[in-house]
Amino acid sequence: MVSVDTLEDNKAFAEKEHADFPLLADPGKQVATAYGVLGSRGFANRWTFYIAPDGKLAYIDRQVNAATSGETVVAKLKELNVPERKSQ
């Protein structure tokens, strides 16, 4: 996940939400700009980019709903034939 928030804000978010995925702090907004997600108010749009194992862009979801994003990601990964991650 990429956020235009600071490293400290991202760390606090990750701890609060028990995030088990990488977070990239982008307060300078270079990554958000490069991916075309920086909105006119300076915040990043909530888009999900699915990158295939070969490094190519497989899909962009521009209609992310925070309340259902987990289920949406799981469904899209199945649709893209991404193997299920095993629990540790």
Protein backbone atom coordinates (compact mmCIF):
# COMPACT_ATOMS: atom_id res chain seq x y z
CA MET A 1 0.00 0.00 0.00
CA VAL A 2 1.23 3.48 -0.83
CA SER A 3 0.12 6.47 1.21
CA VAL A 4 1.03 10.15 0.95
CA ASP A 5 1.13 10.18 4.75
CA THR A 6 4.39 10.30 6.69
CA LEU A 7 6.32 7.24 7.81
CA GLU A 8 5.21 7.89 11.39
CA ASP A 9 1.53 8.06 10.38
CA ASN A 10 1.85 4.86 8.35
CA LYS A 11 3.52 3.06 11.27
CA ALA A 12 0.72 4.13 13.59
CA PHE A 13 -1.90 2.98 11.06
CA ALA A 14 -0.18 -0.39 10.60
CA GLU A 15 0.01 -0.97 14.35
CA LYS A 16 -3.60 0.07 14.95
CA GLU A 17 -4.96 -2.08 12.11
CA HIS A 18 -2.52 -4.99 12.60
CA ALA A 19 -1.48 -4.65 8.96
CA ASP A 20 0.52 -7.62 7.70
CA PHE A 21 1.45 -6.07 4.37
CA PRO A 22 4.07 -3.54 3.29
CA LEU A 23 3.30 0.19 3.47
CA LEU A 24 5.18 2.82 1.51
CA ALA A 25 5.22 6.35 2.91
CA ASP A 26 5.14 8.85 0.03
CA PRO A 27 4.84 12.29 1.68
CA GLY A 28 6.66 13.86 -1.29
CA LYS A 29 3.94 12.38 -3.54
CA GLN A 30 6.38 11.17 -6.22
CA VAL A 31 4.97 7.63 -6.35
CA ALA A 32 1.35 8.81 -6.28
CA THR A 33 2.12 11.18 -9.13
CA ALA A 34 3.95 8.49 -11.14
CA TYR A 35 0.98 6.10 -10.81
CA GLY A 36 -1.50 8.85 -11.71
CA VAL A 37 -3.47 8.57 -8.46
CA LEU A 38 -2.77 12.00 -6.97
CA GLY A 39 -6.03 13.93 -6.80
CA SER A 40 -6.43 17.68 -7.22
CA ARG A 41 -6.61 18.16 -3.43
CA GLY A 42 -3.24 16.47 -2.85
CA PHE A 43 -4.56 13.14 -1.61
CA ALA A 44 -4.06 9.80 -3.33
CA ASN A 45 -7.12 8.16 -4.85
CA ARG A 46 -7.86 4.69 -3.45
CA TRP A 47 -7.01 2.56 -6.43
CA THR A 48 -5.77 -1.02 -6.31
CA PHE A 49 -3.08 -2.06 -8.78
CA TYR A 50 -2.71 -5.79 -9.39
CA ILE A 51 0.80 -6.65 -10.55
CA ALA A 52 1.29 -10.09 -12.13
CA PRO A 53 4.21 -12.33 -11.12
CA ASP A 54 5.96 -11.32 -14.36
CA GLY A 55 5.90 -7.69 -13.20
CA LYS A 56 3.27 -6.56 -15.69
CA LEU A 57 0.18 -4.65 -14.69
CA ALA A 58 -2.74 -7.10 -14.64
CA TYR A 59 -5.60 -4.81 -13.57
CA ILE A 60 -6.42 -1.45 -11.95
CA ASP A 61 -9.48 -1.16 -9.73
CA ARG A 62 -10.49 2.51 -9.73
CA GLN A 63 -13.73 1.90 -7.77
CA VAL A 64 -12.31 0.83 -4.40
CA ASN A 65 -14.82 0.69 -1.56
CA ALA A 66 -12.98 0.63 1.77
CA ALA A 67 -15.78 -1.32 3.46
CA THR A 68 -15.55 -4.24 1.01
CA SER A 69 -12.01 -3.94 -0.35
CA GLY A 70 -10.76 -7.13 1.33
CA GLU A 71 -13.43 -9.26 -0.31
CA THR A 72 -12.95 -7.47 -3.62
CA VAL A 73 -9.20 -8.13 -3.60
CA VAL A 74 -9.70 -11.82 -2.81
CA ALA A 75 -12.23 -12.19 -5.63
CA LYS A 76 -10.02 -10.37 -8.14
CA LEU A 77 -6.97 -12.46 -7.19
CA LYS A 78 -9.01 -15.62 -7.79
CA GLU A 79 -10.19 -14.21 -11.13
CA LEU A 80 -6.55 -13.52 -12.07
CA ASN A 81 -5.61 -17.11 -11.04
CA VAL A 82 -3.24 -15.99 -8.29
CA PRO A 83 -2.54 -18.91 -5.94
CA GLU A 84 -3.93 -18.55 -2.43
CA ARG A 85 -1.38 -17.56 0.20
CA LYS A 86 -0.83 -20.21 2.86
CA SER A 87 -1.19 -19.21 6.53
CA GLN A 88 1.98 -19.36 8.58
